Each structure stands twice: as structure tokens, then as C-alpha cells.
Protein backbone atom coordinates (compact mmCIF):
# COMPACT_ATOMS: atom_id res chain seq x y z
CA MET A 1 13.02 -37.37 -50.16
CA GLN A 2 13.60 -41.10 -49.58
CA LEU A 3 14.97 -43.55 -52.10
CA ALA A 4 13.95 -47.16 -51.59
CA THR A 5 14.27 -46.76 -47.84
CA ASP A 6 10.65 -46.55 -46.74
CA ALA A 7 8.83 -49.80 -47.26
CA THR A 8 5.48 -48.35 -46.32
CA ARG A 9 5.46 -46.16 -49.41
CA GLN A 10 6.14 -48.97 -51.89
CA PRO A 11 3.13 -50.71 -53.44
CA PRO A 12 3.29 -54.51 -53.54
CA GLY A 13 4.09 -56.15 -56.86
CA GLY A 14 4.71 -54.41 -60.12
CA GLY A 15 8.28 -55.43 -60.83
CA VAL A 16 11.28 -53.10 -60.79
CA LYS A 17 10.67 -49.64 -59.33
CA THR A 18 11.88 -47.60 -62.29
CA SER A 19 11.81 -44.18 -60.65
CA SER A 20 13.61 -45.32 -57.48
CA MET A 21 16.25 -47.23 -59.42
CA ALA A 22 16.87 -44.29 -61.76
CA ALA A 23 17.20 -41.88 -58.83
CA ILE A 24 19.62 -44.19 -57.02
CA ALA A 25 21.76 -44.60 -60.12
CA LEU A 26 21.71 -40.85 -60.80
CA ILE A 27 22.91 -39.94 -57.31
CA ALA A 28 25.74 -42.49 -57.40
CA ALA A 29 26.66 -41.35 -60.92
CA MET A 30 27.04 -37.76 -59.67
CA SER A 31 30.60 -38.80 -58.93
CA GLY A 32 30.97 -39.28 -62.69
CA LEU A 33 29.86 -35.67 -63.25
CA LEU A 34 32.58 -34.53 -60.84
CA PHE A 35 35.04 -36.89 -62.51
CA GLY A 36 34.31 -35.32 -65.92
CA TYR A 37 34.28 -31.71 -64.80
CA ASP A 38 37.50 -31.90 -62.78
CA THR A 39 39.40 -33.71 -65.54
CA GLY A 40 37.99 -31.55 -68.36
CA ILE A 41 38.32 -28.11 -66.79
CA ILE A 42 42.13 -28.26 -66.80
CA ALA A 43 42.10 -27.89 -70.61
CA THR A 44 40.77 -24.33 -70.43
CA ALA A 45 42.08 -23.46 -66.95
CA LEU A 46 45.71 -24.42 -67.71
CA PRO A 47 46.55 -21.26 -69.72
CA GLY A 48 45.26 -19.12 -66.84
CA ILE A 49 47.15 -21.20 -64.27
CA SER A 50 50.30 -20.86 -66.39
CA ASP A 51 49.93 -17.08 -66.51
CA SER A 52 49.22 -16.76 -62.77
CA TYR A 53 52.14 -18.94 -61.70
CA HIS A 54 54.44 -17.98 -64.59
CA LEU A 55 54.80 -21.56 -65.81
CA VAL A 56 57.06 -21.74 -68.86
CA SER A 57 58.17 -25.33 -69.40
CA GLU A 58 55.92 -28.05 -70.78
CA SER A 59 57.00 -30.33 -67.92
CA ASP A 60 55.53 -27.96 -65.31
CA LYS A 61 52.18 -27.99 -67.12
CA GLN A 62 52.27 -31.77 -67.41
CA ILE A 63 53.05 -32.15 -63.68
CA ILE A 64 50.04 -30.06 -62.61
CA THR A 65 47.78 -31.82 -65.11
CA SER A 66 48.96 -35.35 -64.31
CA ALA A 67 48.94 -34.91 -60.50
CA LEU A 68 45.21 -35.61 -60.53
CA LEU A 69 45.76 -38.85 -62.45
CA LEU A 70 48.57 -39.91 -60.09
CA GLY A 71 46.16 -39.51 -57.18
CA ALA A 72 43.65 -41.71 -58.99
CA VAL A 73 46.35 -44.36 -59.53
CA PHE A 74 47.01 -44.46 -55.78
CA SER A 75 43.38 -44.58 -54.66
CA ALA A 76 42.09 -47.19 -57.10
CA PRO A 77 43.62 -50.29 -55.38
CA PHE A 78 42.47 -49.19 -51.91
CA THR A 79 38.94 -48.59 -53.13
CA SER A 80 38.44 -52.35 -53.27
CA TYR A 81 39.41 -52.87 -49.64
CA LEU A 82 37.28 -50.01 -48.35
CA CYS A 83 34.25 -51.00 -50.46
CA ASP A 84 34.43 -54.65 -49.43
CA ARG A 85 35.10 -53.98 -45.75
CA TYR A 86 32.90 -50.98 -44.98
CA GLY A 87 30.33 -51.05 -47.76
CA ARG A 88 29.58 -49.16 -50.95
CA LYS A 89 27.52 -46.37 -49.36
CA PRO A 90 30.13 -45.24 -46.78
CA MET A 91 32.70 -45.15 -49.58
CA LEU A 92 30.49 -42.89 -51.70
CA LEU A 93 30.05 -40.54 -48.72
CA LEU A 94 33.82 -40.35 -48.23
CA ILE A 95 34.33 -39.66 -51.94
CA ALA A 96 31.84 -36.78 -51.96
CA ALA A 97 33.46 -35.16 -48.91
CA LEU A 98 36.92 -35.43 -50.46
CA PHE A 99 35.67 -33.85 -53.68
CA ILE A 100 34.41 -30.82 -51.76
CA VAL A 101 37.58 -30.20 -49.73
CA ALA A 102 40.09 -30.81 -52.55
CA THR A 103 38.16 -28.68 -55.06
CA LEU A 104 38.02 -25.69 -52.72
CA VAL A 105 41.77 -25.92 -51.99
CA CYS A 106 42.52 -26.08 -55.74
CA ALA A 107 40.44 -22.95 -56.30
CA VAL A 108 42.43 -20.86 -53.81
CA ARG A 109 45.48 -19.22 -55.36
CA THR A 110 48.50 -20.28 -53.31
CA THR A 111 51.56 -21.83 -54.96
CA PRO A 112 52.07 -24.34 -57.79
CA ALA A 113 53.12 -26.92 -55.20
CA VAL A 114 49.90 -26.54 -53.15
CA LEU A 115 47.80 -26.67 -56.34
CA THR A 116 49.62 -29.84 -57.41
CA VAL A 117 49.07 -31.51 -54.03
CA ALA A 118 45.40 -30.47 -53.96
CA ARG A 119 44.91 -31.92 -57.45
CA PHE A 120 46.53 -35.13 -56.22
CA PHE A 121 43.88 -35.39 -53.47
CA LEU A 122 41.19 -34.54 -55.99
CA GLY A 123 42.55 -37.47 -57.98
CA LEU A 124 42.17 -39.71 -54.94
CA ALA A 125 38.44 -38.93 -54.98
CA ILE A 126 38.12 -39.45 -58.72
CA GLY A 127 39.99 -42.75 -58.70
CA ALA A 128 37.88 -44.06 -55.84
CA ALA A 129 34.67 -42.95 -57.57
CA SER A 130 35.59 -44.71 -60.79
CA GLY A 131 35.75 -47.99 -58.89
CA ALA A 132 32.99 -47.62 -56.30
CA ALA A 133 30.13 -45.99 -58.25
CA PRO A 134 29.84 -48.48 -61.16
CA ILE A 135 30.04 -51.41 -58.75
CA TYR A 136 27.30 -49.94 -56.57
CA ILE A 137 25.03 -49.22 -59.55
CA SER A 138 25.59 -52.67 -61.09
CA GLU A 139 24.71 -54.38 -57.79
CA MET A 140 21.53 -52.35 -57.39
CA ALA A 141 20.26 -52.74 -60.98
CA PRO A 142 18.25 -55.64 -62.46
CA ALA A 143 20.04 -57.64 -65.18
CA GLU A 144 17.93 -56.33 -68.07
CA ARG A 145 18.69 -52.68 -67.21
CA ARG A 146 22.17 -53.03 -65.77
CA GLY A 147 23.94 -51.96 -68.95
CA ARG A 148 22.21 -48.62 -69.42
CA LEU A 149 22.29 -47.78 -65.70
CA VAL A 150 26.01 -48.52 -65.28
CA VAL A 151 26.75 -46.56 -68.47
CA LEU A 152 24.94 -43.63 -66.83
CA PHE A 153 28.21 -43.16 -64.93
CA GLN A 154 30.03 -42.60 -68.23
CA LEU A 155 27.24 -40.33 -69.47
CA MET A 156 27.65 -38.18 -66.38
CA ILE A 157 31.39 -38.03 -67.00
CA MET A 158 30.70 -36.64 -70.46
CA ILE A 159 28.15 -34.16 -69.13
CA GLY A 160 30.84 -32.98 -66.72
CA ILE A 161 33.37 -32.60 -69.54
CA VAL A 162 30.86 -30.67 -71.68
CA CYS A 163 30.09 -28.36 -68.77
CA ALA A 164 33.82 -27.86 -68.21
CA HIS A 165 34.59 -26.93 -71.83
CA PHE A 166 31.71 -24.52 -72.32
CA THR A 167 32.14 -22.97 -68.87
CA GLY A 168 35.77 -22.40 -69.76
CA TYR A 169 34.86 -20.93 -73.15
CA PHE A 170 32.32 -18.43 -71.78
CA VAL A 171 34.04 -17.55 -68.49
CA GLY A 172 37.59 -17.47 -69.88
CA HIS A 173 40.82 -18.94 -68.60
CA GLU A 174 41.69 -15.75 -66.72
CA ALA A 175 39.05 -16.69 -64.10
CA TRP A 176 40.56 -20.14 -63.60
CA GLN A 177 39.90 -20.12 -59.83
CA TRP A 178 36.16 -19.78 -60.44
CA LEU A 179 36.30 -22.43 -63.15
CA ILE A 180 37.76 -24.94 -60.69
CA GLY A 181 35.65 -23.80 -57.72
CA PHE A 182 32.36 -24.41 -59.54
CA GLY A 183 33.08 -28.14 -59.14
CA ALA A 184 32.27 -27.96 -55.42
CA LEU A 185 28.55 -27.38 -56.11
CA PRO A 186 27.70 -30.84 -57.52
CA ALA A 187 29.95 -32.40 -54.86
CA VAL A 188 27.73 -30.94 -52.13
CA ALA A 189 24.63 -32.21 -53.97
CA MET A 190 26.15 -35.69 -54.17
CA LEU A 191 27.00 -35.72 -50.45
CA LEU A 192 23.41 -34.88 -49.54
CA GLY A 193 21.98 -37.40 -52.01
CA VAL A 194 24.14 -40.34 -50.92
CA THR A 195 22.85 -40.03 -47.35
CA LEU A 196 19.46 -41.18 -48.71
CA LEU A 197 20.73 -44.27 -50.53
CA PRO A 198 20.42 -47.88 -49.30
CA GLU A 199 23.42 -50.19 -49.06
CA SER A 200 24.01 -52.65 -51.91
CA PRO A 201 21.93 -55.83 -51.38
CA ARG A 202 24.71 -57.96 -52.85
CA TRP A 203 27.20 -56.53 -50.34
CA LEU A 204 24.72 -57.11 -47.52
CA TYR A 205 24.16 -60.72 -48.60
CA ALA A 206 27.89 -61.42 -48.92
CA HIS A 207 28.34 -60.16 -45.33
CA GLY A 208 25.63 -62.39 -43.90
CA MET A 209 22.86 -59.78 -43.71
CA VAL A 210 20.42 -61.82 -45.79
CA ASP A 211 17.24 -60.30 -44.36
CA LYS A 212 18.45 -56.76 -44.99
CA ALA A 213 19.47 -57.71 -48.53
CA GLY A 214 16.00 -59.11 -49.18
CA ALA A 215 14.34 -56.01 -47.73
CA VAL A 216 16.35 -53.69 -49.97
CA LEU A 217 15.59 -55.83 -53.03
CA MET A 218 11.90 -55.89 -52.17
CA ARG A 219 11.80 -52.13 -52.00
CA LEU A 220 13.65 -51.88 -55.31
CA ARG A 221 11.85 -54.62 -57.25
CA GLY A 222 8.40 -54.70 -55.59
CA ASP A 223 7.91 -58.31 -56.72
CA ARG A 224 8.62 -61.14 -54.30
CA ALA A 225 9.21 -63.67 -57.10
CA LEU A 226 11.90 -61.46 -58.63
CA VAL A 227 13.49 -60.96 -55.22
CA GLU A 228 13.54 -64.69 -54.50
CA ARG A 229 15.20 -65.39 -57.84
CA GLU A 230 17.88 -62.78 -57.23
CA LEU A 231 18.52 -64.03 -53.70
CA GLY A 232 18.73 -67.57 -55.06
CA GLY A 233 21.32 -66.47 -57.59
CA MET A 234 23.31 -64.76 -54.85
CA ALA A 235 23.12 -67.90 -52.71
CA GLU A 236 24.51 -70.07 -55.53
CA ALA A 237 27.33 -67.60 -56.20
CA VAL A 238 28.23 -67.43 -52.51
CA ALA A 239 28.26 -71.23 -52.26
CA GLU A 240 30.65 -71.49 -55.22
CA GLU A 241 32.93 -68.80 -53.80
CA ARG A 242 33.19 -70.52 -50.42
CA GLN A 243 34.72 -73.54 -52.10
CA ALA A 244 37.67 -71.42 -53.17
CA ASN A 245 39.81 -68.73 -51.52
CA ALA A 246 37.03 -66.19 -51.93
CA GLY A 247 37.85 -62.54 -51.98
CA THR A 248 41.66 -62.69 -51.68
CA TRP A 249 44.18 -60.95 -53.90
CA ARG A 250 45.84 -64.30 -54.43
CA GLU A 251 42.68 -65.62 -56.03
CA PHE A 252 42.21 -62.42 -57.98
CA PHE A 253 45.48 -63.12 -59.79
CA SER A 254 44.81 -66.87 -60.07
CA ALA A 255 44.47 -68.68 -63.40
CA ARG A 256 40.72 -69.07 -62.92
CA VAL A 257 40.12 -65.32 -62.72
CA ARG A 258 42.86 -64.25 -65.13
CA PRO A 259 40.55 -63.97 -68.18
CA ALA A 260 38.37 -61.48 -66.30
CA LEU A 261 41.48 -59.58 -65.21
CA VAL A 262 42.79 -59.42 -68.79
CA LEU A 263 39.44 -58.26 -70.16
CA GLY A 264 38.67 -55.72 -67.43
CA GLY A 265 42.19 -54.31 -67.32
CA GLY A 266 42.56 -54.43 -71.11
CA VAL A 267 39.40 -52.45 -71.83
CA ALA A 268 40.47 -49.89 -69.20
CA MET A 269 43.95 -49.63 -70.72
CA PHE A 270 42.74 -49.19 -74.29
CA SER A 271 40.24 -46.54 -73.20
CA GLN A 272 43.30 -44.39 -72.42
CA ILE A 273 46.19 -45.29 -74.69
CA THR A 274 44.10 -44.90 -77.84
CA GLY A 275 44.49 -41.15 -77.31
CA ASN A 276 41.17 -39.75 -76.18
CA ASN A 277 42.37 -37.97 -73.06
CA ALA A 278 45.40 -36.62 -74.85
CA LEU A 279 42.85 -34.47 -76.67
CA VAL A 280 40.68 -33.82 -73.60
CA TYR A 281 43.59 -32.44 -71.55
CA TYR A 282 45.70 -30.68 -74.15
CA MET A 283 43.73 -30.04 -77.33
CA PRO A 284 43.43 -26.25 -76.81
CA THR A 285 47.17 -26.02 -76.05
CA VAL A 286 48.35 -28.38 -78.80
CA PHE A 287 46.15 -27.08 -81.62
CA HIS A 288 46.83 -23.46 -80.73
CA ASP A 289 50.57 -24.19 -80.88
CA LEU A 290 50.02 -25.82 -84.29
CA GLY A 291 48.58 -22.57 -85.64
CA PHE A 292 44.84 -22.95 -85.08
CA SER A 293 42.90 -19.97 -83.75
CA GLU A 294 42.13 -19.82 -80.02
CA ASP A 295 38.39 -20.18 -80.68
CA ALA A 296 38.88 -23.23 -82.91
CA SER A 297 41.25 -24.82 -80.38
CA VAL A 298 38.70 -24.47 -77.57
CA LEU A 299 35.54 -25.24 -79.55
CA MET A 300 36.84 -28.48 -81.13
CA PRO A 301 36.91 -30.40 -77.82
CA ALA A 302 33.75 -28.62 -76.66
CA PHE A 303 31.66 -29.74 -79.64
CA GLY A 304 33.39 -33.10 -79.56
CA ALA A 305 32.30 -33.51 -75.94
CA VAL A 306 28.70 -32.67 -76.91
CA GLY A 307 28.81 -35.39 -79.57
CA VAL A 308 30.30 -37.82 -77.07
CA MET A 309 27.58 -37.02 -74.56
CA VAL A 310 24.88 -37.79 -77.13
CA MET A 311 26.67 -40.96 -78.24
CA THR A 312 27.08 -42.08 -74.64
CA PHE A 313 23.33 -41.77 -74.13
CA VAL A 314 22.63 -43.68 -77.35
CA GLY A 315 25.37 -46.22 -76.61
CA SER A 316 24.00 -46.89 -73.13
CA HIS A 317 20.91 -48.31 -74.86
CA LEU A 318 22.71 -49.98 -77.76
CA VAL A 319 24.95 -52.08 -75.51
CA ASP A 320 21.82 -53.77 -74.14
CA VAL A 321 20.30 -54.15 -77.62
CA VAL A 322 23.15 -55.17 -79.94
CA GLY A 323 25.56 -56.29 -77.21
CA ARG A 324 28.86 -55.00 -75.81
CA ARG A 325 31.12 -56.86 -78.23
CA ARG A 326 29.31 -56.06 -81.49
CA TYR A 327 28.99 -52.43 -80.46
CA LEU A 328 32.76 -52.13 -79.96
CA LEU A 329 33.47 -53.86 -83.29
CA VAL A 330 31.53 -51.10 -85.05
CA MET A 331 32.78 -48.07 -83.12
CA VAL A 332 36.53 -48.79 -82.91
CA PRO A 333 37.08 -48.87 -86.72
CA ILE A 334 35.40 -45.46 -87.00
CA SER A 335 37.87 -43.99 -84.52
CA ILE A 336 40.77 -45.55 -86.47
CA VAL A 337 39.65 -43.97 -89.74
CA SER A 338 39.21 -40.59 -88.02
CA PHE A 339 42.75 -40.63 -86.65
CA ILE A 340 44.15 -41.56 -90.06
CA VAL A 341 42.41 -38.53 -91.58
CA ILE A 342 43.77 -36.22 -88.85
CA ALA A 343 47.31 -37.57 -89.25
CA LEU A 344 47.27 -37.23 -93.04
CA LEU A 345 45.99 -33.65 -92.93
CA LEU A 346 48.36 -32.51 -90.18
CA GLY A 347 51.19 -33.97 -92.22
CA GLN A 348 50.61 -31.14 -94.71
CA GLY A 349 52.02 -28.61 -92.25
CA ALA A 350 50.69 -25.04 -92.18
CA ASP A 351 48.10 -25.78 -94.89
CA ALA A 352 46.15 -27.87 -92.37
CA THR A 353 45.16 -24.76 -90.37
CA GLN A 354 43.18 -23.10 -93.16
CA GLY A 355 40.59 -23.75 -95.85
CA TRP A 356 38.83 -27.07 -96.19
CA GLN A 357 41.61 -28.88 -94.29
CA LEU A 358 40.71 -26.98 -91.11
CA TYR A 359 37.07 -28.03 -91.37
CA ALA A 360 38.06 -31.60 -92.21
CA ILE A 361 40.28 -31.82 -89.12
CA PHE A 362 37.52 -30.24 -87.03
CA ALA A 363 35.05 -32.89 -88.24
CA ALA A 364 37.55 -35.76 -87.85
CA VAL A 365 38.41 -34.74 -84.28
CA ILE A 366 34.74 -34.66 -83.32
CA LEU A 367 34.07 -37.99 -85.07
CA TYR A 368 37.06 -39.57 -83.32
CA MET A 369 35.95 -38.34 -79.89
CA VAL A 370 32.42 -39.61 -80.50
CA ALA A 371 33.57 -43.02 -81.76
CA ASN A 372 36.33 -43.62 -79.22
CA ASN A 373 34.31 -42.50 -76.22
CA GLY A 374 31.28 -44.22 -77.64
CA ALA A 375 33.32 -47.41 -77.78
CA PHE A 376 35.56 -47.80 -74.73
CA GLY A 377 34.05 -44.93 -72.77
CA VAL A 378 30.65 -46.62 -72.79
CA THR A 379 31.94 -50.12 -72.04
CA ILE A 380 34.89 -49.69 -69.67
CA TRP A 381 32.91 -49.44 -66.43
CA LEU A 382 30.25 -51.86 -67.62
CA VAL A 383 32.76 -54.63 -68.49
CA ASN A 384 34.65 -54.14 -65.22
CA ALA A 385 31.40 -54.29 -63.27
CA GLU A 386 30.32 -57.53 -64.96
CA VAL A 387 33.21 -59.92 -65.56
CA TYR A 388 34.51 -60.59 -62.03
CA PRO A 389 33.17 -63.09 -59.44
CA MET A 390 30.97 -61.57 -56.76
CA LYS A 391 33.47 -61.53 -53.90
CA LEU A 392 36.18 -60.23 -56.20
CA ARG A 393 33.99 -57.59 -57.83
CA GLY A 394 35.24 -54.84 -55.54
CA LYS A 395 38.83 -55.77 -56.31
CA GLY A 396 37.98 -56.09 -60.00
CA GLY A 397 36.44 -52.64 -60.11
CA ALA A 398 39.49 -51.26 -58.32
CA PHE A 399 41.86 -53.01 -60.73
CA GLY A 400 39.96 -51.66 -63.73
CA ALA A 401 40.07 -48.17 -62.23
CA PHE A 402 43.78 -48.56 -61.46
CA SER A 403 44.49 -49.59 -65.06
CA HIS A 404 42.38 -46.72 -66.36
CA TRP A 405 44.12 -44.13 -64.20
CA PHE A 406 47.62 -45.49 -64.55
CA PHE A 407 47.52 -45.27 -68.33
CA ASP A 408 45.64 -41.98 -68.12
CA PHE A 409 48.52 -40.66 -65.99
CA ILE A 410 51.03 -41.86 -68.59
CA ILE A 411 49.10 -40.03 -71.32
CA ALA A 412 48.80 -36.82 -69.29
CA ALA A 413 52.50 -36.88 -68.36
CA THR A 414 53.78 -37.43 -71.91
CA THR A 415 51.40 -35.90 -74.48
CA LEU A 416 53.08 -32.51 -74.86
CA THR A 417 56.45 -34.25 -75.03
CA LEU A 418 55.15 -36.60 -77.76
CA PHE A 419 54.17 -33.65 -79.92
CA GLN A 420 57.58 -32.05 -79.35
CA VAL A 421 59.41 -35.24 -80.36
CA LEU A 422 57.14 -36.73 -83.05
CA GLY A 423 55.80 -33.56 -84.62
CA ALA A 424 52.20 -32.64 -85.42
CA ALA A 425 51.12 -35.88 -87.10
CA GLY A 426 53.34 -38.43 -85.30
CA PRO A 427 51.26 -38.91 -82.12
CA PHE A 428 48.12 -39.45 -84.19
CA TRP A 429 49.81 -42.23 -86.18
CA LEU A 430 50.93 -43.77 -82.89
CA PHE A 431 47.39 -43.70 -81.52
CA THR A 432 46.10 -45.18 -84.79
CA GLY A 433 48.39 -48.20 -84.42
CA ILE A 434 47.34 -48.73 -80.82
CA SER A 435 43.67 -48.52 -81.86
CA VAL A 436 44.23 -51.31 -84.41
CA VAL A 437 45.63 -53.50 -81.61
CA SER A 438 42.57 -52.68 -79.48
CA LEU A 439 40.29 -53.84 -82.29
CA ALA A 440 42.07 -57.21 -82.38
CA PHE A 441 41.73 -57.43 -78.59
CA VAL A 442 37.96 -56.99 -78.81
CA TYR A 443 37.56 -59.40 -81.74
CA PHE A 444 39.55 -62.30 -80.29
CA LEU A 445 39.08 -61.96 -76.53
CA LEU A 446 35.97 -60.05 -75.45
CA PRO A 447 32.90 -62.30 -74.90
CA GLU A 448 29.30 -61.13 -75.03
CA THR A 449 27.60 -60.53 -71.66
CA LYS A 450 24.39 -58.87 -72.87
CA GLY A 451 21.28 -60.00 -70.97
CA LYS A 452 23.15 -62.33 -68.62
CA SER A 453 22.92 -62.11 -64.86
CA LEU A 454 26.11 -61.52 -62.89
CA GLU A 455 25.80 -65.07 -61.55
CA GLN A 456 25.60 -66.52 -65.11
CA ILE A 457 28.71 -64.60 -66.13
CA GLU A 458 30.54 -65.89 -63.05
CA HIS A 459 29.51 -69.46 -63.85
CA GLU A 460 30.91 -69.13 -67.40
CA LEU A 461 34.17 -67.78 -65.99
CA ASN A 462 34.40 -70.81 -63.71
CA GLN A 463 33.95 -73.12 -66.73
CA GLY A 464 37.33 -72.01 -68.14
CA ARG A 465 36.10 -70.84 -71.57
CA PHE A 466 35.65 -67.11 -71.12
CA TYR A 467 37.61 -65.62 -74.03
CA GLN A 468 35.70 -65.19 -77.27
CA PHE A 469 38.06 -67.39 -79.32
CA GLN A 470 37.64 -70.18 -76.73
CA ARG A 471 33.87 -69.96 -76.99
CA ARG A 472 34.01 -69.98 -80.77
CA GLY A 473 36.18 -73.08 -80.70
CA ALA A 474 33.86 -74.76 -78.19
CA ARG A 475 30.85 -74.07 -80.42
CA ARG A 476 32.65 -75.62 -83.42
CA VAL A 477 33.41 -78.75 -81.38
CA GLU A 478 29.82 -78.88 -80.20
CA SER A 479 28.45 -78.58 -83.74
CA ARG A 480 30.70 -81.39 -85.00
CA THR A 481 30.09 -83.82 -82.14
CA GLY A 482 26.57 -82.88 -81.12
CA THR A 483 27.67 -82.64 -77.49
CA THR A 484 27.72 -79.71 -75.11
CA VAL A 485 31.18 -78.44 -74.31
């Protein structure tokens, strides 16, 4: 099989090659499947790991769980350098190889220390994938389909989480080594698939390989007029970047780029601290400790993950139809209401584990997971792939991934302690308050990028009116004066 690498098999004209583009995006998004499986499987594997290694304290469980996230925190910043220097494709190959080796070491019963270190290296692969794959997909996709193709990465994450929960439910936590080891199979498939992928045309152009960039685009688009327009947009963006300190960390933290940094890092932060992964990692443990049956504790996140997977698929289309901003303004309030219901019911104590309260909590948990993942889960990688200038896009993706994994690590390292200190309902009230703040963030700061090329978004950033409240104010001035601001 060849994917957009054999020009003789591509008919002239006809616009974007849908099948080739979908296959390319699917192979790159396989890292999302591994991301989801390896982060989700710990929820059902942790009881078996605890029994095998005789783990008693909550801190030991949190260390093993959070080691993966700590690895992701470390790898995210370096992903930018490796992607920008060596290319997107070599980075994806390295990620797939690391997934294979780290997964197999995790699956071998040794000691808690070796398992923790192996999960740290698995986290290195996951953190790198969360930065490299969305950037690669966004640079390969045409503007009108970029949203749904980049969100495919998030969809694959959710498919991985669903597979993890149901595999854990049917196999059982006693076979935790098999549960973890199954993750090596899609990693091998990804490694083989990535060898067939072309390099990103935007990366090629930025490194002076204009002819190669045009050849890749021609094989992807099949329409010379489309290719010329895209190359023209790249040329304009490159010319603008060369007038500044293009591609440096100093520029990344400059005032000009700061709005993109705030938006990309903010969406990544809120995707974690609003509580979703607190449930993904620990729901079976926490709800079982609260008095729920073992089946209910395992099936709640499993069915929630199914709902999230469906919503991610739907959301990947909605973000290109209704827009990123409007979509978030609908989904975030639903997650807030869901958490309020959970907190109120858990505040009733033992009564919450039986009768109609049990079913209400079950429904609220699923609704929350669907709404929260459908909101920030769908948009986190898309926003971080869109808002940064071209030569800072690798660094921007890495910063978004770093923010995501840093706050994910904080959640994984503190969730069980939060429930010990704040009680059953306390953490849910805390996450409710944070979700309200995230809603204000979206309303006042996040601009709409639907249907805009990456070069258009970069031009708007350079104009100095990137935040939503700045654009709203500029439109009011324009309407009063009749001039363009």
C-alpha cells in the first residue's frame, strides 16, 4: 500500500484526494488510540497491580498512575525541537517504536519501581504523540476539512479508552499484564503505517524544499490551482516570519504571540482541571470506595467512554459547521450542570448508592463525560494546531501538549487525596467552580477560526486583535465609524 507517495497512480485534477487524506490522518491518529488505551487501562488494571505488588497506600497507586503523565510532561517541550529539526514523519516513527518497547516492559511483572519507570517512558511516547500527530494532520489537511481530520486524533483517543474499559471489564483486573500488553499490537500497526506516509508539505516548504512540498500537495490535492493557492499562502506566511525572529522560543513568548499561547495553553489546561481524567483514572476505585458495586464502578466510565466516542465523532463535524467557539459555549454548561447534580446527590451520603439516586448519578456521570470531552476534548488539539504562526506551530503544539500533560499529572497525583480530604462531594464542587471559570475563558477570549486557512489565522494574530473581546470591540468601533479596524 502507498499513501500519496506514487504520483503515477494519481489522476490529474479532481480536488482533494479524500481516500488518501483519510488514510494519512488515520495512520497518524493511531498514536491517539495508543494514547487512549494506555491512559485508560490503568483504571481497571490498578486493582490487579495493587494485589500483585501488595500496594496499600493511596500515594503508591497515585505514583504508578501519574508516572505516565510525568513522562508526557517531560517529552512535550522536546517534541517541538525534534519535529522542527528532523521533520514530522521521523518523529512519528520514533513515537511508535517507543510505544512498543515501553508497553512490553510494563507488561512484564518485575517490581513496582520498574513498572513506574516503564510507565514514565510510555508517557514520553504519549506526550510526544499529543504534540506531533495533530500538527502533522493539520499541515496535511485542506482548510475546509482540517477540523474534522485533526479531531480524528481525539476520536482515536476515545476509541482507545473505550477499548481499555471494556477489555478490562471482560478480561478482569487479575490479568493486568495482558491488559497492558495488548497495547503493543496497535503500536506495531502504527510503526508499519508511518513508513508509508509523506513528510508534511508545510515543513518541507519552511525548510526550503519547495519542489518537494509542491509534489506532496499535488499528490494530495490533485488540482494544480489548489496547490498553487496553498503554496502562495505558505510563501506569504514565510515572508512575514522572516521579518521577525522566526521560530525562536523568545518570539514564542513575545507579546505578539502571547494571545495564541494563552488560548492554546488555556484550552489544554481546562481540558484537565475540569475533572475529566480524575474520573478516567480513578472512577472504579473512587466509586467502589464510596459504596457502589464493582460492576457499577467499572461500567460507569465504560459507558461514559462510549458516549464520549460518539460525541467526539459528532463534534468533529460540528466544529466545522457551527464553529469551535459556539460549540464550546453549548457543551461546557452541560458539563457544569452534570457535576452539580453529582455533587448534590453524593452529598446525601449512603443513600446515593441505591435506588433512583444511583441511576441519576450514573446518568450524570455519563452526561458529564460526554459534554466535557465533547467540549475541550474535541477542541484542544484543534485549537493548538491552528492558533500559532507557521514557524512556531511545532513549539505551539508542544506547549499545548505540555500544558495538557502537566495539569493531567497534577490531577492524577492528587485525585485520591482530594477525595480523602474533601469527602465524596467536595471534589465535584471544586471541578464545578473550575468549569465555570473555563466557560468565562471561552466566552471572553476564544476567537472563531472555523473555515479560515492557517495563513489567515496567522495574519489576524499579527494584527494584534486576536482575543474575542478585542474583536467584538473592534466591530463596534467599525460599525460606529464606518471604517475597518
